[in-house]
Each structure stands twice: as C-alpha cells, then as structure tokens.
Amino acid sequence: MPDWDPKLYLEFSDQRARPASDLIAQIRLENPTRLIDLGCGTGNSTEQLHSRWPNAEVTGLDSSAAMLARARQNHADWRWIESSVENWQPETSCDLIFSNAALHWVPNHRELFPRLLNSVAPGGALAVQMPYNFESPAHVAMKKVAADPCWSGKLDGASERAHVEPMSFYYDALRRIASAMNIWETVYLQIVDGPRAVFDWVRSTAMRGYLDRLSDDAQRNVFQEMCLREFEKSYIADDQGKVLFPYRRMFIIAYR
C-alpha cells in the first residue's frame, strides 16, 4: 500500500485542526517541559502544542515517512521520530503524551492506554482524540461495498482495523492509575463541497483500511468508484452544492 498522501490529507487541514485545538484547550498543565505528539502526521497538531507551550521540548512521532518529510520541511530544528506507536519506547517520561486522530489505528487499547499513561511523569497528562463515527453513512457505505461478491473475501474484516472502544472502556482501563480524568465527545457538523469532498476526506484516512487489502491500483480504483457512488446516495448536495458531514469524535484526558 502506498504511503500516506500529505497533499490529500491537508486538503481538510482546518477541519482536522479543530479537534486538536479543542483537546489542547482542555489540558490543565501549566509549564510542561517534555511533550510528544504520537501520530503527528505533517506536524499540524505539533505546531499547536508548541504554540500553547513554546518553552517545552516538543517531539513528533509518526510511522509515515512521507508525512514526516512534510513536517521536517516546516520545522527542521524540531525532533521527529519515524516509528509506530506500538514500537515506541520513551527514553524518559514525558509531561504530556498527546495523540490526535491516530490511536484508533493501534490495537489492544486495554494494554496500550495504561502503558502510555505510565510513561507520563507525575503531574503530567495523557491526552487523546479519536474518531468515534464508525456507524456514520460513510462507514456503512464502505462496509456495503466491501461485502460485494466481486471482492471474494479480500476485504473480510477490513472494517475492524479501527480499534476504538466505548468511552466507559477507557475510564475503566485508566481509573486505577489516573489521579483525574476528563472524557467527552463532540460532533462537528462540517459543511463541505458535495459528496466528492466527503469521499476525499474518507479516502485520505479511514478508507485506507480497505485499500491496503487490495493488491493493485486497478482494484483500488474500482473500490473507490463503488464507494463514491454509495456516498452520492447518502450525502446529497443542496442547491448550493454543499453537504452536511457530521463527524463524531472522542476525547480523553488522564492525569498522573
């Protein structure tokens, strides 16, 4: 499967930045000295962290070389680590471990979230935002297309690549080691330019769970065209060519 496409991902940079900004605004830390942004992508959320705490040492981590290359173009003097979250082993404890729209790609949250919080320094925080919209029309459409007999089982289980659990799961997983927690959800009602914009948004992120199961570009193009036709049924443009695209997200802040 090709690497992440920074250009496509950044087409919706303003909308993608808002949940990170909302999460950062709720973190009750005055002067953290070491921060890490897990799944930093092109570094947009890392920039927001630096703006909030300009004196802190900020590190960005991502598994995509292409996304990190874009991040380094903008901030060559910052520290960037190419690694999966699963393989990351902190050299020292961090005052803030932050992750915006990344940990849903990582399995085994029962083990992952306590491990991350235990890597936080006393008085610090783990702050996470994840998509919480897996029953949306876009996801229903992708599941429907994946079930088409033309794929002959190639896409079985592809929708299970997202590993988000109910909010009560994270409370239970962290409550014994957290000194305090804040968990909430928000639905962002985004106004976009027709069903094609919804398709491009999903194609740059959630659809990858299906596309990486297919062996060549021809198959991927067929899958994408089938999904676009389904999106056009669910997201109908108004007389100005706009579509409402609700996007539900989960937020978790746990303090040591």
C-alpha atoms as a PDB file:
ATOM      1  CA  MET A   1       0.000   0.000   0.000  1.00  0.00           C
ATOM      2  CA  PRO A   2       1.384   3.463  -0.879  1.00  0.00           C
ATOM      3  CA  ASP A   3       2.382   5.749   1.961  1.00  0.00           C
ATOM      4  CA  TRP A   4       0.011   8.391   3.307  1.00  0.00           C
ATOM      5  CA  ASP A   5      -0.620  11.292   0.912  1.00  0.00           C
ATOM      6  CA  PRO A   6       0.206  14.565   2.738  1.00  0.00           C
ATOM      7  CA  LYS A   7      -1.339  16.721  -0.011  1.00  0.00           C
ATOM      8  CA  LEU A   8      -4.681  14.903   0.122  1.00  0.00           C
ATOM      9  CA  TYR A   9      -4.667  14.832   3.923  1.00  0.00           C
ATOM     10  CA  LEU A  10      -4.011  18.569   4.134  1.00  0.00           C
ATOM     11  CA  GLU A  11      -6.959  19.454   1.866  1.00  0.00           C
ATOM     12  CA  PHE A  12      -9.014  19.482   5.069  1.00  0.00           C
ATOM     13  CA  SER A  13      -6.342  20.857   7.384  1.00  0.00           C
ATOM     14  CA  ASP A  14      -8.600  23.459   9.009  1.00  0.00           C
ATOM     15  CA  GLN A  15     -11.282  20.920   9.910  1.00  0.00           C
ATOM     16  CA  ARG A  16      -8.706  18.388  11.111  1.00  0.00           C
ATOM     17  CA  ALA A  17      -7.002  21.009  13.279  1.00  0.00           C
ATOM     18  CA  ARG A  18     -10.099  21.937  15.257  1.00  0.00           C
ATOM     19  CA  PRO A  19     -10.387  18.761  17.410  1.00  0.00           C
ATOM     20  CA  ALA A  20      -6.686  19.021  18.277  1.00  0.00           C
ATOM     21  CA  SER A  21      -7.182  22.647  19.287  1.00  0.00           C
ATOM     22  CA  ASP A  22     -10.224  21.753  21.387  1.00  0.00           C
ATOM     23  CA  LEU A  23      -8.307  18.974  23.129  1.00  0.00           C
ATOM     24  CA  ILE A  24      -5.283  21.172  23.844  1.00  0.00           C
ATOM     25  CA  ALA A  25      -7.526  23.875  25.318  1.00  0.00           C
ATOM     26  CA  GLN A  26      -8.774  21.443  27.981  1.00  0.00           C
ATOM     27  CA  ILE A  27      -5.358  20.179  29.160  1.00  0.00           C
ATOM     28  CA  ARG A  28      -4.625  21.559  32.639  1.00  0.00           C
ATOM     29  CA  LEU A  29      -0.837  21.738  32.544  1.00  0.00           C
ATOM     30  CA  GLU A  30       0.965  24.999  33.231  1.00  0.00           C
ATOM     31  CA  ASN A  31       4.613  24.515  32.229  1.00  0.00           C
ATOM     32  CA  PRO A  32       5.320  21.037  30.843  1.00  0.00           C
ATOM     33  CA  THR A  33       8.919  20.594  29.743  1.00  0.00           C
ATOM     34  CA  ARG A  34       8.709  17.488  27.515  1.00  0.00           C
ATOM     35  CA  LEU A  35       5.847  16.781  25.089  1.00  0.00           C
ATOM     36  CA  ILE A  36       5.400  14.120  22.436  1.00  0.00           C
ATOM     37  CA  ASP A  37       2.793  14.055  19.667  1.00  0.00           C
ATOM     38  CA  LEU A  38       2.038  10.431  18.750  1.00  0.00           C
ATOM     39  CA  GLY A  39       0.826  10.084  15.175  1.00  0.00           C
ATOM     40  CA  CYS A  40       1.850  13.651  14.413  1.00  0.00           C
ATOM     41  CA  GLY A  41       1.434  13.330  10.644  1.00  0.00           C
ATOM     42  CA  THR A  42       2.537  16.524   8.903  1.00  0.00           C
ATOM     43  CA  GLY A  43       3.080  18.234  12.256  1.00  0.00           C
ATOM     44  CA  ASN A  44      -0.041  20.429  12.355  1.00  0.00           C
ATOM     45  CA  SER A  45      -1.011  19.296  15.844  1.00  0.00           C
ATOM     46  CA  THR A  46       2.644  19.504  16.919  1.00  0.00           C
ATOM     47  CA  GLU A  47       2.609  23.164  15.897  1.00  0.00           C
ATOM     48  CA  GLN A  48      -0.466  23.714  18.055  1.00  0.00           C
ATOM     49  CA  LEU A  49       1.276  22.125  21.035  1.00  0.00           C
ATOM     50  CA  HIS A  50       4.284  24.381  20.501  1.00  0.00           C
ATOM     51  CA  SER A  51       2.043  27.448  20.319  1.00  0.00           C
ATOM     52  CA  ARG A  52       0.425  26.536  23.649  1.00  0.00           C
ATOM     53  CA  TRP A  53       3.730  25.697  25.394  1.00  0.00           C
ATOM     54  CA  PRO A  54       6.522  27.452  23.435  1.00  0.00           C
ATOM     55  CA  ASN A  55       9.210  26.687  26.037  1.00  0.00           C
ATOM     56  CA  ALA A  56       8.617  22.951  26.046  1.00  0.00           C
ATOM     57  CA  GLU A  57      10.740  20.403  24.198  1.00  0.00           C
ATOM     58  CA  VAL A  58       8.373  19.038  21.532  1.00  0.00           C
ATOM     59  CA  THR A  59       8.780  15.746  19.654  1.00  0.00           C
ATOM     60  CA  GLY A  60       6.630  14.368  16.850  1.00  0.00           C
ATOM     61  CA  LEU A  61       6.310  10.637  16.109  1.00  0.00           C
ATOM     62  CA  ASP A  62       4.728   9.004  13.067  1.00  0.00           C
ATOM     63  CA  SER A  63       5.120   5.803  11.073  1.00  0.00           C
ATOM     64  CA  SER A  64       4.769   7.579   7.694  1.00  0.00           C
ATOM     65  CA  ALA A  65       7.992   8.781   6.108  1.00  0.00           C
ATOM     66  CA  ALA A  66       6.045  10.984   3.683  1.00  0.00           C
ATOM     67  CA  MET A  67       4.128  12.755   6.428  1.00  0.00           C
ATOM     68  CA  LEU A  68       7.283  13.296   8.491  1.00  0.00           C
ATOM     69  CA  ALA A  69       9.097  14.672   5.443  1.00  0.00           C
ATOM     70  CA  ARG A  70       6.450  17.387   5.217  1.00  0.00           C
ATOM     71  CA  ALA A  71       6.766  18.054   8.966  1.00  0.00           C
ATOM     72  CA  ARG A  72      10.555  18.406   8.677  1.00  0.00           C
ATOM     73  CA  GLN A  73      10.174  20.871   5.801  1.00  0.00           C
ATOM     74  CA  ASN A  74       8.304  23.210   8.101  1.00  0.00           C
ATOM     75  CA  HIS A  75      10.335  22.644  11.277  1.00  0.00           C
ATOM     76  CA  ALA A  76      13.732  21.166  10.527  1.00  0.00           C
ATOM     77  CA  ASP A  77      15.002  22.009  14.007  1.00  0.00           C
ATOM     78  CA  TRP A  78      12.339  20.020  15.841  1.00  0.00           C
ATOM     79  CA  ARG A  79      12.763  16.374  16.765  1.00  0.00           C
ATOM     80  CA  TRP A  80      10.859  13.907  14.570  1.00  0.00           C
ATOM     81  CA  ILE A  81      10.806  10.122  15.112  1.00  0.00           C
ATOM     82  CA  GLU A  82       9.762   7.614  12.454  1.00  0.00           C
ATOM     83  CA  SER A  83       8.171   4.763  14.400  1.00  0.00           C
ATOM     84  CA  SER A  84       4.889   3.042  15.074  1.00  0.00           C
ATOM     85  CA  VAL A  85       3.208   3.778  18.394  1.00  0.00           C
ATOM     86  CA  GLU A  86       3.448   0.087  19.256  1.00  0.00           C
ATOM     87  CA  ASN A  87       7.260   0.115  18.916  1.00  0.00           C
ATOM     88  CA  TRP A  88       7.868   3.445  20.629  1.00  0.00           C
ATOM     89  CA  GLN A  89       9.802   3.144  23.876  1.00  0.00           C
ATOM     90  CA  PRO A  90      10.240   6.511  25.645  1.00  0.00           C
ATOM     91  CA  GLU A  91      13.776   7.337  26.678  1.00  0.00           C
ATOM     92  CA  THR A  92      12.412   9.278  29.641  1.00  0.00           C
ATOM     93  CA  SER A  93       8.986  10.136  30.993  1.00  0.00           C
ATOM     94  CA  CYS A  94       7.027  12.928  29.280  1.00  0.00           C
ATOM     95  CA  ASP A  95       4.954  15.641  30.901  1.00  0.00           C
ATOM     96  CA  LEU A  96       2.396  15.284  28.122  1.00  0.00           C
ATOM     97  CA  ILE A  97       1.736  12.409  25.747  1.00  0.00           C
ATOM     98  CA  PHE A  98      -0.622  13.744  23.111  1.00  0.00           C
ATOM     99  CA  SER A  99      -2.332  11.993  20.211  1.00  0.00           C
ATOM    100  CA  ASN A 100      -4.820  13.461  17.759  1.00  0.00           C
ATOM    101  CA  ALA A 101      -6.707  11.040  15.471  1.00  0.00           C
ATOM    102  CA  ALA A 102      -4.055   8.310  15.487  1.00  0.00           C
ATOM    103  CA  LEU A 103      -4.550   5.711  18.221  1.00  0.00           C
ATOM    104  CA  HIS A 104      -7.627   4.197  16.563  1.00  0.00           C
ATOM    105  CA  TRP A 105      -5.142   2.571  14.158  1.00  0.00           C
ATOM    106  CA  VAL A 106      -3.368   0.843  17.065  1.00  0.00           C
ATOM    107  CA  PRO A 107      -4.781  -2.413  18.527  1.00  0.00           C
ATOM    108  CA  ASN A 108      -5.099  -3.645  22.114  1.00  0.00           C
ATOM    109  CA  HIS A 109      -6.190  -0.475  23.900  1.00  0.00           C
ATOM    110  CA  ARG A 110      -6.572  -2.402  27.170  1.00  0.00           C
ATOM    111  CA  GLU A 111      -2.774  -2.633  27.262  1.00  0.00           C
ATOM    112  CA  LEU A 112      -1.875   0.461  25.223  1.00  0.00           C
ATOM    113  CA  PHE A 113      -3.590   3.200  27.221  1.00  0.00           C
ATOM    114  CA  PRO A 114      -2.255   2.198  30.677  1.00  0.00           C
ATOM    115  CA  ARG A 115       1.221   1.786  29.163  1.00  0.00           C
ATOM    116  CA  LEU A 116       1.078   5.308  27.756  1.00  0.00           C
ATOM    117  CA  LEU A 117      -0.203   6.818  30.986  1.00  0.00           C
ATOM    118  CA  ASN A 118       2.524   5.012  32.931  1.00  0.00           C
ATOM    119  CA  SER A 119       5.041   6.747  30.626  1.00  0.00           C
ATOM    120  CA  VAL A 120       3.770  10.139  31.803  1.00  0.00           C
ATOM    121  CA  ALA A 121       5.690  11.942  34.544  1.00  0.00           C
ATOM    122  CA  PRO A 122       3.860  12.530  37.851  1.00  0.00           C
ATOM    123  CA  GLY A 123       1.622  15.554  37.474  1.00  0.00           C
ATOM    124  CA  GLY A 124       1.555  15.153  33.681  1.00  0.00           C
ATOM    125  CA  ALA A 125      -1.183  14.004  31.337  1.00  0.00           C
ATOM    126  CA  LEU A 126      -2.161  11.662  28.535  1.00  0.00           C
ATOM    127  CA  ALA A 127      -4.459  13.459  26.067  1.00  0.00           C
ATOM    128  CA  VAL A 128      -6.093  11.609  23.182  1.00  0.00           C
ATOM    129  CA  GLN A 129      -8.632  12.342  20.470  1.00  0.00           C
ATOM    130  CA  MET A 130     -10.016   9.584  18.235  1.00  0.00           C
ATOM    131  CA  PRO A 131     -12.757   9.327  15.618  1.00  0.00           C
ATOM    132  CA  TYR A 132     -15.991   7.972  17.092  1.00  0.00           C
ATOM    133  CA  ASN A 133     -18.096   7.896  13.947  1.00  0.00           C
ATOM    134  CA  PHE A 134     -17.836   4.320  12.748  1.00  0.00           C
ATOM    135  CA  GLU A 135     -21.604   3.991  12.312  1.00  0.00           C
ATOM    136  CA  SER A 136     -21.773   7.023  10.023  1.00  0.00           C
ATOM    137  CA  PRO A 137     -23.197   6.714   6.473  1.00  0.00           C
ATOM    138  CA  ALA A 138     -19.672   6.836   5.052  1.00  0.00           C
ATOM    139  CA  HIS A 139     -18.562   3.822   7.073  1.00  0.00           C
ATOM    140  CA  VAL A 140     -21.804   1.980   6.347  1.00  0.00           C
ATOM    141  CA  ALA A 141     -21.218   2.599   2.633  1.00  0.00           C
ATOM    142  CA  MET A 142     -17.664   1.252   2.745  1.00  0.00           C
ATOM    143  CA  LYS A 143     -18.810  -1.861   4.578  1.00  0.00           C
ATOM    144  CA  LYS A 144     -21.532  -2.386   1.973  1.00  0.00           C
ATOM    145  CA  VAL A 145     -19.068  -2.098  -0.910  1.00  0.00           C
ATOM    146  CA  ALA A 146     -16.582  -4.395   0.846  1.00  0.00           C
ATOM    147  CA  ALA A 147     -19.299  -7.065   1.131  1.00  0.00           C
ATOM    148  CA  ASP A 148     -19.823  -7.154  -2.652  1.00  0.00           C
ATOM    149  CA  PRO A 149     -19.077 -10.649  -4.050  1.00  0.00           C
ATOM    150  CA  CYS A 150     -16.609  -9.139  -6.536  1.00  0.00           C
ATOM    151  CA  TRP A 151     -14.010  -8.977  -3.771  1.00  0.00           C
ATOM    152  CA  SER A 152     -14.220 -12.711  -2.952  1.00  0.00           C
ATOM    153  CA  GLY A 153     -13.392 -12.267   0.711  1.00  0.00           C
ATOM    154  CA  LYS A 154     -10.403  -9.967   0.130  1.00  0.00           C
ATOM    155  CA  LEU A 155     -11.939  -7.303   2.361  1.00  0.00           C
ATOM    156  CA  ASP A 156     -13.273  -9.512   5.152  1.00  0.00           C
ATOM    157  CA  GLY A 157     -12.560  -7.847   8.472  1.00  0.00           C
ATOM    158  CA  ALA A 158     -11.183  -4.666   6.889  1.00  0.00           C
ATOM    159  CA  SER A 159     -13.676  -2.509   8.805  1.00  0.00           C
ATOM    160  CA  GLU A 160     -12.259  -3.879  12.055  1.00  0.00           C
ATOM    161  CA  ARG A 161      -8.965  -2.021  11.528  1.00  0.00           C
ATOM    162  CA  ALA A 162     -10.337   0.753  13.731  1.00  0.00           C
ATOM    163  CA  HIS A 163      -9.909  -0.154  17.388  1.00  0.00           C
ATOM    164  CA  VAL A 164     -11.989   2.424  19.253  1.00  0.00           C
ATOM    165  CA  GLU A 165     -13.890   1.154  22.288  1.00  0.00           C
ATOM    166  CA  PRO A 166     -16.836   2.730  24.188  1.00  0.00           C
ATOM    167  CA  MET A 167     -15.902   5.668  26.395  1.00  0.00           C
ATOM    168  CA  SER A 168     -16.587   3.674  29.550  1.00  0.00           C
ATOM    169  CA  PHE A 169     -13.846   1.242  28.443  1.00  0.00           C
ATOM    170  CA  TYR A 170     -11.183   3.958  28.712  1.00  0.00           C
ATOM    171  CA  TYR A 171     -12.422   5.110  32.093  1.00  0.00           C
ATOM    172  CA  ASP A 172     -12.168   1.554  33.383  1.00  0.00           C
ATOM    173  CA  ALA A 173      -8.751   0.978  31.784  1.00  0.00           C
ATOM    174  CA  LEU A 174      -7.220   4.117  33.324  1.00  0.00           C
ATOM    175  CA  ARG A 175      -9.093   4.871  36.557  1.00  0.00           C
ATOM    176  CA  ARG A 176      -6.755   2.917  38.850  1.00  0.00           C
ATOM    177  CA  ILE A 177      -3.633   4.779  37.753  1.00  0.00           C
ATOM    178  CA  ALA A 178      -5.073   8.208  36.913  1.00  0.00           C
ATOM    179  CA  SER A 179      -5.352  10.950  39.508  1.00  0.00           C
ATOM    180  CA  ALA A 180      -8.148  12.595  37.496  1.00  0.00           C
ATOM    181  CA  MET A 181      -9.862  12.091  34.142  1.00  0.00           C
ATOM    182  CA  ASN A 182     -11.945  14.043  31.651  1.00  0.00           C
ATOM    183  CA  ILE A 183     -13.787  12.133  28.889  1.00  0.00           C
ATOM    184  CA  TRP A 184     -16.257  13.622  26.426  1.00  0.00           C
ATOM    185  CA  GLU A 185     -17.484  13.513  22.846  1.00  0.00           C
ATOM    186  CA  THR A 186     -18.206  16.201  20.255  1.00  0.00           C
ATOM    187  CA  VAL A 187     -19.990  16.065  16.907  1.00  0.00           C
ATOM    188  CA  TYR A 188     -18.533  18.501  14.367  1.00  0.00           C
ATOM    189  CA  LEU A 189     -21.126  19.409  11.750  1.00  0.00           C
ATOM    190  CA  GLN A 190     -18.882  20.148   8.788  1.00  0.00           C
ATOM    191  CA  ILE A 191     -20.121  21.865   5.642  1.00  0.00           C
ATOM    192  CA  VAL A 192     -18.237  20.510   2.615  1.00  0.00           C
ATOM    193  CA  ASP A 193     -18.427  20.752  -1.167  1.00  0.00           C
ATOM    194  CA  GLY A 194     -20.683  17.847  -2.059  1.00  0.00           C
ATOM    195  CA  PRO A 195     -20.304  14.074  -1.705  1.00  0.00           C
ATOM    196  CA  ARG A 196     -16.958  14.154  -3.509  1.00  0.00           C
ATOM    197  CA  ALA A 197     -15.478  16.135  -0.614  1.00  0.00           C
ATOM    198  CA  VAL A 198     -16.748  13.532   1.869  1.00  0.00           C
ATOM    199  CA  PHE A 199     -15.200  10.863  -0.334  1.00  0.00           C
ATOM    200  CA  ASP A 200     -11.836  12.663  -0.453  1.00  0.00           C
ATOM    201  CA  TRP A 201     -11.869  13.122   3.335  1.00  0.00           C
ATOM    202  CA  VAL A 202     -12.521   9.418   3.936  1.00  0.00           C
ATOM    203  CA  ARG A 203     -10.192   8.287   1.135  1.00  0.00           C
ATOM    204  CA  SER A 204      -7.283  10.014   2.858  1.00  0.00           C
ATOM    205  CA  THR A 205      -7.880   8.245   6.192  1.00  0.00           C
ATOM    206  CA  ALA A 206     -10.481   5.565   7.020  1.00  0.00           C
ATOM    207  CA  MET A 207     -10.660   4.058   3.526  1.00  0.00           C
ATOM    208  CA  ARG A 208      -7.017   3.044   3.797  1.00  0.00           C
ATOM    209  CA  GLY A 209      -8.118   0.119   5.960  1.00  0.00           C
ATOM    210  CA  TYR A 210      -9.799  -1.323   2.872  1.00  0.00           C
ATOM    211  CA  LEU A 211      -7.400  -0.156   0.181  1.00  0.00           C
ATOM    212  CA  ASP A 212      -4.358  -1.792   1.736  1.00  0.00           C
ATOM    213  CA  ARG A 213      -6.088  -5.171   1.425  1.00  0.00           C
ATOM    214  CA  LEU A 214      -6.221  -4.837  -2.369  1.00  0.00           C
ATOM    215  CA  SER A 215      -3.270  -5.918  -4.467  1.00  0.00           C
ATOM    216  CA  ASP A 216      -3.042  -3.247  -7.180  1.00  0.00           C
ATOM    217  CA  ASP A 217      -4.172   0.217  -8.209  1.00  0.00           C
ATOM    218  CA  ALA A 218      -6.808  -1.125 -10.594  1.00  0.00           C
ATOM    219  CA  GLN A 219      -8.638  -2.901  -7.767  1.00  0.00           C
ATOM    220  CA  ARG A 220      -8.290   0.131  -5.515  1.00  0.00           C
ATOM    221  CA  ASN A 221      -9.752   2.390  -8.191  1.00  0.00           C
ATOM    222  CA  VAL A 222     -12.763   0.089  -8.627  1.00  0.00           C
ATOM    223  CA  PHE A 223     -13.356   0.032  -4.873  1.00  0.00           C
ATOM    224  CA  GLN A 224     -13.118   3.816  -4.669  1.00  0.00           C
ATOM    225  CA  GLU A 225     -15.557   4.348  -7.544  1.00  0.00           C
ATOM    226  CA  MET A 226     -18.052   1.963  -5.921  1.00  0.00           C
ATOM    227  CA  CYS A 227     -17.736   3.861  -2.643  1.00  0.00           C
ATOM    228  CA  LEU A 228     -18.212   7.225  -4.348  1.00  0.00           C
ATOM    229  CA  ARG A 229     -21.473   6.037  -5.890  1.00  0.00           C
ATOM    230  CA  GLU A 230     -22.690   4.951  -2.434  1.00  0.00           C
ATOM    231  CA  PHE A 231     -21.611   8.261  -0.895  1.00  0.00           C
ATOM    232  CA  GLU A 232     -23.634  10.111  -3.531  1.00  0.00           C
ATOM    233  CA  LYS A 233     -26.740   8.302  -2.245  1.00  0.00           C
ATOM    234  CA  SER A 234     -26.093   9.179   1.407  1.00  0.00           C
ATOM    235  CA  TYR A 235     -24.671  12.702   1.114  1.00  0.00           C
ATOM    236  CA  ILE A 236     -26.936  14.655  -1.238  1.00  0.00           C
ATOM    237  CA  ALA A 237     -25.809  18.134  -2.184  1.00  0.00           C
ATOM    238  CA  ASP A 238     -28.161  21.086  -1.623  1.00  0.00           C
ATOM    239  CA  ASP A 239     -28.918  23.822  -4.172  1.00  0.00           C
ATOM    240  CA  GLN A 240     -25.567  25.438  -3.347  1.00  0.00           C
ATOM    241  CA  GLY A 241     -23.639  22.207  -3.876  1.00  0.00           C
ATOM    242  CA  LYS A 242     -22.962  21.764  -0.141  1.00  0.00           C
ATOM    243  CA  VAL A 243     -23.313  18.696   2.068  1.00  0.00           C
ATOM    244  CA  LEU A 244     -23.523  18.408   5.838  1.00  0.00           C
ATOM    245  CA  PHE A 245     -20.897  15.941   7.042  1.00  0.00           C
ATOM    246  CA  PRO A 246     -21.316  15.202  10.774  1.00  0.00           C
ATOM    247  CA  TYR A 247     -18.163  13.850  12.381  1.00  0.00           C
ATOM    248  CA  ARG A 248     -18.258  12.440  15.913  1.00  0.00           C
ATOM    249  CA  ARG A 249     -15.059  12.388  17.979  1.00  0.00           C
ATOM    250  CA  MET A 250     -13.992  11.092  21.413  1.00  0.00           C
ATOM    251  CA  PHE A 251     -11.692  12.981  23.787  1.00  0.00           C
ATOM    252  CA  ILE A 252      -9.783  11.562  26.756  1.00  0.00           C
ATOM    253  CA  ILE A 253      -7.505  13.356  29.218  1.00  0.00           C
ATOM    254  CA  ALA A 254      -5.989  11.334  32.059  1.00  0.00           C
ATOM    255  CA  TYR A 255      -3.618  12.848  34.639  1.00  0.00           C
ATOM    256  CA  ARG A 256      -0.922  11.054  36.658  1.00  0.00           C
END
